Amino acid sequence: MAMEPSRRWLWLAGLLFVVLGINEALRIWWRFDMLERLLALLLALTIWAFINGRWIFAYYYALRSAWLTGKLPLEAPLAEGEGLLVVAPHPDDETLAAAGQIDLALRRGARVRIVWLTSGDGFDLASGKAAPPQEEMRRLALKRMAEARRAAEILGVAEAEQVFLGYPDLGLLRVFSSHYYLPYTSPHTGLDSVSYPGCRSLGAPYTGESLEADLAAAIEEFAPSRVLVPSPLDAHPDHQAAAFVTMRVMGKMRRQQALRYYIVHGGYEYPLPKGLHPHLLLYPPPRGRRLPWLQTALDEEAQEKKLAAARAHASQTRLIGKFMLAFVRRSELSSRLPIPLRELPDELRQLD
């Protein structure tokens, strides 16, 4: 885990103190001149920069990208009667990535549905115990589902359009790949099938086949005009799996053009600065820096609802509150492409 910025500065101060002490001792005993001491100080700063290069780049990228973000084109708003479907790997992803877009769509008379692929039963720290038993993780899932419903209610999403699929947190990639036909057993809960009350297909095995079928049914019956889904460039494996399965489903429907991609886990401590900064624009994440991003401007009402929805996920804000609040800004981002354009085959480069 990366060192906290405050500790980095303390580490640098301690390093400088040691270096200056050594220099002073050398000056007294061996009469080192000022140039040699400056060179020693430069060496110490170089070592610090090398060790903390990732942190330095993160802030450089954030400042540079923030400067350019205002020039990003705007996403076309949904019209009355159109449908927005948000695919969320975990309870809270719908809020971080799309709460503002959900609110704006509903105010324009569009329909909105949220589909949560998991119930968040793999984040053991959220249980409040260092090594929680499986029963505790199953209780956590019910708690996170209730929090997600509360957040959706704040945003104005109808109860019938709050769809939980109940597949295993931190297991989606395994489910979709090596367990496409054979059930996967979650090491966090001990479950191998959808078991939480309120989920769409109780008893469905933890297989990629079942996950794909449930997601396809949720999409088909809603008939969305736009589907927001994680990008495969997202650092979290559950988000990558959500991208793969949704792209597969929409591809079978020949409706890839309706897909829009978002990134929550964008690398290099994204987004910076942490905490609540509603006056800032959300800048493109480092992992998606070459994607053709579109921005949706959020008015004050949308920001207030997004903040309230984020705080409704109390089990998460208790641990990663500054990270979550950092997404409450004047804009949200989405991309029409899952990967950078320059990486696409030549025959696809002209497609938009």
Protein backbone atom coordinates (compact mmCIF):
# COMPACT_ATOMS: atom_id res chain seq x y z
CA MET A 1 0.00 0.00 0.00
CA ALA A 2 1.30 3.46 -0.90
CA MET A 3 2.58 5.62 1.91
CA GLU A 4 0.27 8.45 3.00
CA PRO A 5 1.40 11.92 1.83
CA SER A 6 1.81 13.22 5.39
CA ARG A 7 4.07 10.30 6.27
CA ARG A 8 6.09 10.86 3.12
CA TRP A 9 6.81 14.41 4.18
CA LEU A 10 7.75 13.26 7.66
CA TRP A 11 10.01 10.66 6.09
CA LEU A 12 11.64 13.38 3.94
CA ALA A 13 12.10 15.67 6.94
CA GLY A 14 13.74 12.86 8.87
CA LEU A 15 15.97 12.02 5.92
CA LEU A 16 17.04 15.65 5.55
CA PHE A 17 17.75 15.86 9.28
CA VAL A 18 20.00 12.82 9.08
CA VAL A 19 21.74 14.09 5.93
CA LEU A 20 22.37 17.54 7.43
CA GLY A 21 23.66 15.93 10.60
CA ILE A 22 26.05 13.76 8.66
CA ASN A 23 27.18 16.74 6.58
CA GLU A 24 27.81 18.79 9.68
CA ALA A 25 29.82 15.97 11.23
CA LEU A 26 31.84 15.63 8.04
CA ARG A 27 32.44 19.39 7.95
CA ILE A 28 33.72 19.38 11.50
CA TRP A 29 35.96 16.34 11.15
CA TRP A 30 37.01 16.50 7.49
CA ARG A 31 36.16 20.13 6.64
CA PHE A 32 33.74 19.40 3.79
CA ASP A 33 32.88 22.64 1.93
CA MET A 34 29.41 23.90 1.00
CA LEU A 35 29.40 22.44 -2.53
CA GLU A 36 29.93 18.93 -1.24
CA ARG A 37 27.16 19.34 1.29
CA LEU A 38 24.77 20.61 -1.41
CA LEU A 39 25.64 17.61 -3.55
CA ALA A 40 24.88 15.30 -0.62
CA LEU A 41 21.54 17.07 -0.09
CA LEU A 42 20.75 16.71 -3.80
CA LEU A 43 21.51 13.01 -3.56
CA ALA A 44 19.12 12.65 -0.64
CA LEU A 45 16.36 14.46 -2.57
CA THR A 46 17.00 12.25 -5.58
CA ILE A 47 16.61 9.14 -3.45
CA TRP A 48 13.35 10.50 -2.05
CA ALA A 49 12.03 11.31 -5.52
CA PHE A 50 12.96 7.83 -6.73
CA ILE A 51 11.19 6.11 -3.83
CA ASN A 52 8.11 8.33 -4.12
CA GLY A 53 8.02 8.65 -7.88
CA ARG A 54 4.55 7.11 -8.09
CA TRP A 55 3.13 9.69 -5.71
CA ILE A 56 4.85 12.56 -7.53
CA PHE A 57 3.51 11.38 -10.89
CA ALA A 58 0.01 10.99 -9.43
CA TYR A 59 -0.14 14.66 -8.42
CA TYR A 60 1.52 15.80 -11.63
CA TYR A 61 -1.02 13.85 -13.68
CA ALA A 62 -3.93 15.15 -11.59
CA LEU A 63 -2.87 18.79 -12.01
CA ARG A 64 -2.15 18.44 -15.72
CA SER A 65 -5.37 16.55 -16.45
CA ALA A 66 -7.49 18.94 -14.39
CA TRP A 67 -6.20 21.77 -16.56
CA LEU A 68 -7.35 19.99 -19.74
CA THR A 69 -10.59 18.44 -18.47
CA GLY A 70 -12.70 21.51 -19.18
CA LYS A 71 -12.09 21.00 -22.91
CA LEU A 72 -13.68 17.53 -22.98
CA PRO A 73 -16.84 17.25 -25.11
CA LEU A 74 -20.21 16.88 -23.42
CA GLU A 75 -22.20 13.65 -23.35
CA ALA A 76 -25.56 13.90 -25.10
CA PRO A 77 -28.41 14.04 -22.53
CA LEU A 78 -31.06 11.34 -22.52
CA ALA A 79 -34.49 12.40 -23.70
CA GLU A 80 -37.84 11.67 -22.11
CA GLY A 81 -38.77 8.02 -22.42
CA GLU A 82 -35.21 6.82 -23.08
CA GLY A 83 -33.61 4.38 -20.64
CA LEU A 84 -30.35 4.46 -18.68
CA LEU A 85 -29.13 1.17 -17.20
CA VAL A 86 -26.15 1.25 -14.82
CA VAL A 87 -24.16 -1.94 -14.27
CA ALA A 88 -22.47 -1.79 -10.84
CA PRO A 89 -20.08 -4.55 -9.75
CA HIS A 90 -20.64 -3.60 -6.07
CA PRO A 91 -23.05 -1.51 -4.03
CA ASP A 92 -21.60 2.05 -4.19
CA ASP A 93 -20.19 1.88 -7.74
CA GLU A 94 -23.47 3.18 -9.12
CA THR A 95 -23.10 6.25 -6.93
CA LEU A 96 -19.42 6.93 -7.56
CA ALA A 97 -19.66 6.60 -11.33
CA ALA A 98 -23.16 7.69 -12.23
CA ALA A 99 -25.25 9.25 -9.43
CA GLY A 100 -25.31 12.60 -11.22
CA GLN A 101 -26.24 11.04 -14.56
CA ILE A 102 -28.99 9.04 -12.86
CA ASP A 103 -30.47 12.15 -11.27
CA LEU A 104 -30.30 14.21 -14.46
CA ALA A 105 -31.84 11.41 -16.54
CA LEU A 106 -34.76 11.03 -14.15
CA ARG A 107 -35.38 14.78 -14.09
CA ARG A 108 -35.55 14.77 -17.88
CA GLY A 109 -38.18 12.04 -17.82
CA ALA A 110 -35.91 9.14 -18.76
CA ARG A 111 -36.16 5.69 -17.19
CA VAL A 112 -33.33 4.39 -14.95
CA ARG A 113 -32.41 0.91 -13.77
CA ILE A 114 -29.44 -0.16 -11.61
CA VAL A 115 -28.12 -3.71 -11.77
CA TRP A 116 -25.71 -4.74 -8.99
CA LEU A 117 -23.73 -7.84 -9.94
CA THR A 118 -22.58 -8.58 -6.37
CA SER A 119 -23.80 -7.68 -2.90
CA GLY A 120 -20.37 -6.59 -1.68
CA ASP A 121 -19.75 -9.65 0.48
CA GLY A 122 -15.96 -9.80 -0.06
CA PHE A 123 -14.78 -6.55 1.56
CA ASP A 124 -13.84 -7.99 4.94
CA LEU A 125 -12.70 -4.69 6.49
CA ALA A 126 -16.21 -3.31 6.08
CA SER A 127 -17.48 -5.92 8.54
CA GLY A 128 -15.61 -4.17 11.33
CA LYS A 129 -13.61 -7.29 12.23
CA ALA A 130 -10.04 -8.23 11.38
CA ALA A 131 -10.84 -11.81 10.36
CA PRO A 132 -14.63 -12.00 10.03
CA PRO A 133 -16.31 -15.42 9.88
CA GLN A 134 -18.30 -16.31 6.80
CA GLU A 135 -21.58 -15.66 8.60
CA GLU A 136 -20.46 -12.10 9.27
CA MET A 137 -19.69 -11.55 5.59
CA ARG A 138 -23.15 -12.77 4.64
CA ARG A 139 -24.65 -10.28 7.10
CA LEU A 140 -22.47 -7.58 5.55
CA ALA A 141 -23.99 -8.37 2.15
CA LEU A 142 -27.50 -7.72 3.48
CA LYS A 143 -26.33 -4.48 5.05
CA ARG A 144 -24.73 -3.27 1.82
CA MET A 145 -27.82 -4.17 -0.17
CA ALA A 146 -29.91 -2.05 2.21
CA GLU A 147 -27.46 0.83 1.86
CA ALA A 148 -27.61 0.56 -1.93
CA ARG A 149 -31.41 0.67 -1.85
CA ARG A 150 -31.27 3.76 0.32
CA ALA A 151 -28.81 5.44 -2.08
CA ALA A 152 -31.00 4.54 -5.06
CA GLU A 153 -34.06 5.90 -3.27
CA ILE A 154 -32.24 9.20 -2.69
CA LEU A 155 -31.49 9.39 -6.40
CA GLY A 156 -35.12 8.66 -7.25
CA VAL A 157 -34.73 5.18 -8.75
CA ALA A 158 -37.92 3.15 -8.43
CA GLU A 159 -37.75 0.06 -6.22
CA ALA A 160 -38.68 -2.18 -9.17
CA GLU A 161 -35.64 -0.90 -11.05
CA GLN A 162 -33.19 -1.81 -8.26
CA VAL A 163 -31.92 -5.22 -9.41
CA PHE A 164 -29.53 -7.34 -7.35
CA LEU A 165 -27.98 -10.39 -8.99
CA GLY A 166 -26.08 -11.56 -5.89
CA TYR A 167 -22.93 -13.09 -7.38
CA PRO A 168 -19.68 -13.30 -5.34
CA ASP A 169 -17.70 -10.18 -4.54
CA LEU A 170 -14.01 -10.59 -5.48
CA GLY A 171 -15.02 -13.64 -7.50
CA LEU A 172 -16.62 -12.30 -10.67
CA LEU A 173 -13.56 -12.77 -12.83
CA ARG A 174 -13.19 -16.37 -11.70
CA VAL A 175 -16.90 -16.95 -12.25
CA PHE A 176 -16.80 -15.57 -15.76
CA SER A 177 -13.60 -17.35 -16.79
CA SER A 178 -12.62 -20.61 -15.10
CA HIS A 179 -16.07 -21.24 -13.59
CA TYR A 180 -18.25 -20.47 -16.56
CA TYR A 181 -19.99 -23.86 -16.25
CA LEU A 182 -18.78 -25.23 -12.90
CA PRO A 183 -19.98 -23.43 -9.74
CA TYR A 184 -17.53 -21.24 -7.87
CA THR A 185 -17.44 -21.26 -4.05
CA SER A 186 -16.73 -17.92 -2.43
CA PRO A 187 -13.96 -18.17 0.20
CA HIS A 188 -15.47 -15.16 1.96
CA THR A 189 -19.01 -16.49 2.46
CA GLY A 190 -18.82 -20.22 1.72
CA LEU A 191 -21.68 -19.80 -0.78
CA ASP A 192 -21.75 -21.32 -4.25
CA SER A 193 -25.13 -19.98 -5.39
CA VAL A 194 -27.23 -16.81 -5.19
CA SER A 195 -28.59 -16.82 -1.64
CA TYR A 196 -29.53 -13.31 -0.50
CA PRO A 197 -33.22 -12.38 -0.23
CA GLY A 198 -34.14 -9.79 -2.79
CA CYS A 199 -31.80 -11.09 -5.49
CA ARG A 200 -33.14 -11.81 -8.93
CA SER A 201 -32.48 -15.57 -9.24
CA LEU A 202 -32.27 -17.23 -5.84
CA GLY A 203 -30.50 -20.57 -6.08
CA ALA A 204 -28.71 -19.79 -9.35
CA PRO A 205 -25.20 -21.30 -9.27
CA TYR A 206 -22.14 -19.09 -9.19
CA THR A 207 -21.26 -19.71 -12.83
CA GLY A 208 -20.51 -17.39 -15.70
CA GLU A 209 -23.36 -18.93 -17.63
CA SER A 210 -25.89 -17.98 -14.93
CA LEU A 211 -24.40 -14.52 -14.46
CA GLU A 212 -24.59 -13.83 -18.18
CA ALA A 213 -28.17 -15.11 -18.41
CA ASP A 214 -29.35 -13.02 -15.45
CA LEU A 215 -27.68 -9.86 -16.74
CA ALA A 216 -29.02 -10.42 -20.26
CA ALA A 217 -32.58 -10.79 -18.92
CA ALA A 218 -32.24 -7.63 -16.80
CA ILE A 219 -31.03 -5.66 -19.81
CA GLU A 220 -33.46 -7.09 -22.35
CA GLU A 221 -36.60 -6.51 -20.30
CA PHE A 222 -35.60 -2.89 -19.58
CA ALA A 223 -34.60 -2.06 -23.20
CA PRO A 224 -32.13 0.72 -22.33
CA SER A 225 -30.97 3.44 -24.68
CA ARG A 226 -27.66 3.66 -22.83
CA VAL A 227 -25.79 1.17 -20.63
CA LEU A 228 -23.11 2.43 -18.24
CA VAL A 229 -20.57 -0.27 -17.41
CA PRO A 230 -17.01 -0.40 -16.00
CA SER A 231 -14.18 -0.21 -18.48
CA PRO A 232 -11.97 -3.32 -18.82
CA LEU A 233 -9.10 -0.93 -18.00
CA ASP A 234 -10.36 -0.57 -14.41
CA ALA A 235 -7.84 -1.98 -11.92
CA HIS A 236 -10.40 -4.01 -9.93
CA PRO A 237 -10.92 -7.58 -11.26
CA ASP A 238 -14.66 -7.47 -10.51
CA HIS A 239 -14.95 -4.35 -12.65
CA GLN A 240 -13.02 -6.01 -15.44
CA ALA A 241 -15.35 -9.01 -15.29
CA ALA A 242 -18.38 -6.69 -15.31
CA ALA A 243 -17.02 -5.14 -18.51
CA PHE A 244 -16.42 -8.50 -20.17
CA VAL A 245 -19.81 -10.01 -19.38
CA THR A 246 -21.75 -6.85 -20.30
CA MET A 247 -19.85 -6.42 -23.56
CA ARG A 248 -20.59 -10.06 -24.39
CA VAL A 249 -24.30 -9.67 -23.62
CA MET A 250 -24.65 -6.42 -25.57
CA GLY A 251 -22.63 -7.87 -28.43
CA LYS A 252 -25.04 -10.78 -28.76
CA MET A 253 -27.85 -8.24 -28.87
CA ARG A 254 -25.98 -6.24 -31.52
CA ARG A 255 -26.28 -3.19 -29.30
CA GLN A 256 -22.65 -2.31 -28.57
CA GLN A 257 -23.29 1.30 -29.61
CA ALA A 258 -25.39 1.80 -26.45
CA LEU A 259 -22.44 1.07 -24.15
CA ARG A 260 -20.67 3.77 -22.16
CA TYR A 261 -17.69 2.94 -19.96
CA TYR A 262 -16.55 4.35 -16.62
CA ILE A 263 -13.54 3.79 -14.36
CA VAL A 264 -13.59 3.90 -10.56
CA HIS A 265 -10.23 2.28 -9.73
CA GLY A 266 -8.11 4.39 -12.05
CA GLY A 267 -4.62 3.93 -10.62
CA TYR A 268 -2.14 6.39 -9.08
CA GLU A 269 -4.40 7.23 -6.14
CA TYR A 270 -7.17 8.45 -8.47
CA PRO A 271 -8.96 10.77 -7.99
CA LEU A 272 -6.87 13.47 -6.31
CA PRO A 273 -7.23 15.40 -4.12
CA LYS A 274 -9.11 13.12 -1.75
CA GLY A 275 -12.12 14.34 0.15
CA LEU A 276 -15.05 16.53 -0.87
CA HIS A 277 -14.21 19.10 -3.57
CA PRO A 278 -17.49 19.89 -5.36
CA HIS A 279 -16.00 22.87 -7.20
CA LEU A 280 -13.57 20.66 -9.15
CA LEU A 281 -14.15 18.77 -12.39
CA LEU A 282 -13.52 15.02 -12.42
CA TYR A 283 -10.43 14.40 -14.53
CA PRO A 284 -9.79 11.24 -16.64
CA PRO A 285 -8.17 8.39 -14.67
CA PRO A 286 -4.55 7.47 -15.44
CA ARG A 287 -5.53 3.94 -16.50
CA GLY A 288 -7.88 5.45 -19.08
CA ARG A 289 -5.89 8.51 -20.07
CA ARG A 290 -6.09 7.72 -23.81
CA LEU A 291 -9.82 7.00 -23.90
CA PRO A 292 -12.12 9.47 -25.69
CA TRP A 293 -13.88 10.78 -22.60
CA LEU A 294 -17.18 12.61 -22.52
CA GLN A 295 -18.25 14.66 -19.52
CA THR A 296 -21.65 15.23 -17.98
CA ALA A 297 -21.95 18.53 -16.13
CA LEU A 298 -23.67 18.24 -12.74
CA ASP A 299 -25.69 21.09 -11.34
CA GLU A 300 -25.95 21.83 -7.64
CA GLU A 301 -28.99 19.59 -7.15
CA ALA A 302 -27.28 16.62 -8.79
CA GLN A 303 -24.19 17.14 -6.64
CA GLU A 304 -26.23 17.31 -3.45
CA LYS A 305 -28.04 14.08 -4.29
CA LYS A 306 -24.78 12.36 -5.19
CA LEU A 307 -23.26 13.41 -1.87
CA ALA A 308 -26.29 12.14 0.06
CA ALA A 309 -26.23 8.86 -1.90
CA ALA A 310 -22.51 8.40 -1.17
CA ARG A 311 -23.10 8.92 2.54
CA ALA A 312 -25.92 6.35 2.43
CA HIS A 313 -23.21 3.71 1.88
CA ALA A 314 -22.23 4.05 5.54
CA SER A 315 -20.24 0.80 5.77
CA GLN A 316 -17.99 2.11 2.98
CA THR A 317 -17.67 5.76 3.93
CA ARG A 318 -16.50 4.67 7.37
CA LEU A 319 -13.40 3.18 5.74
CA ILE A 320 -12.91 4.89 2.38
CA GLY A 321 -14.95 8.03 2.83
CA LYS A 322 -12.34 10.42 1.42
CA PHE A 323 -11.99 8.26 -1.68
CA MET A 324 -15.75 8.15 -2.23
CA LEU A 325 -16.31 11.85 -1.61
CA ALA A 326 -13.59 12.67 -4.15
CA PHE A 327 -16.03 11.59 -6.89
CA VAL A 328 -18.57 14.24 -5.87
CA ARG A 329 -17.54 16.94 -8.33
CA ARG A 330 -18.95 19.20 -11.04
CA SER A 331 -18.86 16.46 -13.65
CA GLU A 332 -18.90 12.73 -14.34
CA LEU A 333 -17.07 10.93 -17.13
CA SER A 334 -17.91 8.19 -19.59
CA SER A 335 -16.29 6.83 -22.73
CA ARG A 336 -17.81 5.35 -25.88
CA LEU A 337 -14.85 3.01 -26.24
CA PRO A 338 -13.59 0.34 -23.81
CA ILE A 339 -9.95 0.71 -24.92
CA PRO A 340 -7.97 3.54 -26.54
CA LEU A 341 -8.70 4.10 -30.21
CA ARG A 342 -5.10 3.62 -31.30
CA GLU A 343 -5.18 0.06 -29.98
CA LEU A 344 -8.17 -0.96 -32.12
CA PRO A 345 -7.76 -2.88 -35.37
CA ASP A 346 -7.66 -0.69 -38.50
CA GLU A 347 -11.12 -1.80 -39.66
CA LEU A 348 -12.66 -0.53 -36.41
CA ARG A 349 -10.94 2.82 -36.20
CA GLN A 350 -13.65 4.59 -38.14
CA LEU A 351 -16.42 3.29 -35.89
CA ASP A 352 -17.82 5.56 -33.23
